[in-house]
Amino acid sequence: MKLSYVLIGLAIFAFILRPDLIPASLALALIAFGVVFGLFRDHLMK
């Protein structure tokens, strides 16, 4: 779960520090959201 928070933090950093790389940061944010959603869904399934 903490790894997903790190991914989200990296995506936010990329968005703030490098506005010219917005597509890459958005892709990172989507991937991080997918990881968080997958882990949360697995947790609910148990």
N, C-alpha and C. Protein backbone atom coordinates (compact mmCIF):
# COMPACT_ATOMS: atom_id res chain seq x y z
N MET A 1 0.84 -1.20 0.00
CA MET A 1 0.00 0.00 0.00
C MET A 1 0.88 1.26 0.00
N LYS A 2 2.00 1.21 0.73
CA LYS A 2 2.85 2.39 0.79
C LYS A 2 3.50 2.67 -0.56
N LEU A 3 3.75 1.61 -1.34
CA LEU A 3 4.35 1.80 -2.67
C LEU A 3 3.44 2.64 -3.54
N SER A 4 2.13 2.43 -3.43
CA SER A 4 1.19 3.20 -4.24
C SER A 4 1.23 4.68 -3.83
N TYR A 5 1.38 4.94 -2.54
CA TYR A 5 1.49 6.34 -2.09
C TYR A 5 2.74 6.98 -2.67
N VAL A 6 3.84 6.20 -2.75
CA VAL A 6 5.08 6.72 -3.34
C VAL A 6 4.85 7.06 -4.81
N LEU A 7 4.13 6.19 -5.52
CA LEU A 7 3.87 6.44 -6.94
C LEU A 7 3.04 7.71 -7.11
N ILE A 8 2.04 7.89 -6.27
CA ILE A 8 1.22 9.10 -6.36
C ILE A 8 2.05 10.34 -6.06
N GLY A 9 2.91 10.24 -5.05
CA GLY A 9 3.79 11.36 -4.72
C GLY A 9 4.71 11.71 -5.88
N LEU A 10 5.25 10.68 -6.55
CA LEU A 10 6.12 10.93 -7.70
C LEU A 10 5.34 11.60 -8.82
N ALA A 11 4.10 11.17 -9.04
CA ALA A 11 3.28 11.77 -10.10
C ALA A 11 3.02 13.24 -9.78
N ILE A 12 2.72 13.54 -8.52
CA ILE A 12 2.47 14.94 -8.14
C ILE A 12 3.75 15.76 -8.29
N PHE A 13 4.89 15.19 -7.88
CA PHE A 13 6.16 15.90 -8.04
C PHE A 13 6.42 16.20 -9.50
N ALA A 14 6.20 15.20 -10.37
CA ALA A 14 6.43 15.39 -11.81
C ALA A 14 5.52 16.49 -12.34
N PHE A 15 4.27 16.53 -11.86
CA PHE A 15 3.31 17.53 -12.32
C PHE A 15 3.74 18.93 -11.89
N ILE A 16 4.25 19.03 -10.65
CA ILE A 16 4.61 20.36 -10.13
C ILE A 16 5.95 20.83 -10.70
N LEU A 17 6.94 19.92 -10.72
CA LEU A 17 8.30 20.33 -11.10
C LEU A 17 8.46 20.46 -12.60
N ARG A 18 7.78 19.60 -13.37
CA ARG A 18 7.97 19.59 -14.82
C ARG A 18 6.63 19.70 -15.53
N PRO A 19 6.06 20.90 -15.62
CA PRO A 19 4.75 21.04 -16.27
C PRO A 19 4.78 20.64 -17.74
N ASP A 20 5.99 20.60 -18.35
CA ASP A 20 6.06 20.21 -19.76
C ASP A 20 5.94 18.69 -19.91
N LEU A 21 5.97 17.97 -18.79
CA LEU A 21 5.83 16.50 -18.84
C LEU A 21 4.49 16.06 -18.28
N ILE A 22 3.47 16.89 -18.48
CA ILE A 22 2.15 16.58 -17.92
C ILE A 22 1.62 15.22 -18.41
N PRO A 23 1.73 14.87 -19.70
CA PRO A 23 1.21 13.55 -20.13
C PRO A 23 1.87 12.41 -19.36
N ALA A 24 3.18 12.49 -19.13
CA ALA A 24 3.88 11.43 -18.40
C ALA A 24 3.39 11.37 -16.96
N SER A 25 3.22 12.53 -16.33
CA SER A 25 2.77 12.54 -14.94
C SER A 25 1.33 12.05 -14.83
N LEU A 26 0.51 12.37 -15.84
CA LEU A 26 -0.87 11.86 -15.83
C LEU A 26 -0.87 10.35 -15.97
N ALA A 27 0.01 9.83 -16.83
CA ALA A 27 0.11 8.38 -16.99
C ALA A 27 0.54 7.74 -15.66
N LEU A 28 1.51 8.35 -14.99
CA LEU A 28 1.95 7.83 -13.68
C LEU A 28 0.80 7.87 -12.68
N ALA A 29 0.03 8.95 -12.69
CA ALA A 29 -1.08 9.07 -11.75
C ALA A 29 -2.13 7.99 -12.03
N LEU A 30 -2.40 7.73 -13.32
CA LEU A 30 -3.37 6.69 -13.67
C LEU A 30 -2.87 5.32 -13.22
N ILE A 31 -1.57 5.06 -13.44
CA ILE A 31 -1.01 3.77 -13.02
C ILE A 31 -1.10 3.63 -11.50
N ALA A 32 -0.75 4.71 -10.79
CA ALA A 32 -0.80 4.67 -9.32
C ALA A 32 -2.24 4.44 -8.85
N PHE A 33 -3.20 5.10 -9.51
CA PHE A 33 -4.60 4.92 -9.13
C PHE A 33 -5.03 3.48 -9.38
N GLY A 34 -4.58 2.91 -10.50
CA GLY A 34 -4.90 1.51 -10.80
C GLY A 34 -4.34 0.58 -9.73
N VAL A 35 -3.11 0.85 -9.29
CA VAL A 35 -2.50 0.02 -8.25
C VAL A 35 -3.28 0.13 -6.95
N VAL A 36 -3.62 1.37 -6.57
CA VAL A 36 -4.37 1.58 -5.33
C VAL A 36 -5.73 0.90 -5.41
N PHE A 37 -6.42 1.06 -6.56
CA PHE A 37 -7.74 0.46 -6.70
C PHE A 37 -7.66 -1.06 -6.66
N GLY A 38 -6.64 -1.62 -7.32
CA GLY A 38 -6.47 -3.08 -7.32
C GLY A 38 -6.22 -3.60 -5.91
N LEU A 39 -5.34 -2.93 -5.16
CA LEU A 39 -5.06 -3.37 -3.79
C LEU A 39 -6.29 -3.23 -2.91
N PHE A 40 -7.02 -2.13 -3.07
CA PHE A 40 -8.22 -1.91 -2.26
C PHE A 40 -9.28 -2.96 -2.58
N ARG A 41 -9.45 -3.29 -3.87
CA ARG A 41 -10.43 -4.29 -4.27
C ARG A 41 -10.04 -5.66 -3.71
N ASP A 42 -8.75 -5.99 -3.79
CA ASP A 42 -8.29 -7.27 -3.23
C ASP A 42 -8.56 -7.31 -1.73
N HIS A 43 -8.35 -6.20 -1.05
CA HIS A 43 -8.58 -6.14 0.40
C HIS A 43 -10.06 -6.35 0.70
N LEU A 44 -10.94 -5.78 -0.13
CA LEU A 44 -12.37 -5.95 0.10
C LEU A 44 -12.81 -7.37 -0.20
N MET A 45 -12.18 -8.00 -1.19
CA MET A 45 -12.57 -9.37 -1.57
C MET A 45 -12.27 -10.36 -0.45
N LYS A 46 -11.23 -10.09 0.34
CA LYS A 46 -10.91 -10.99 1.45
C LYS A 46 -11.94 -10.79 2.52
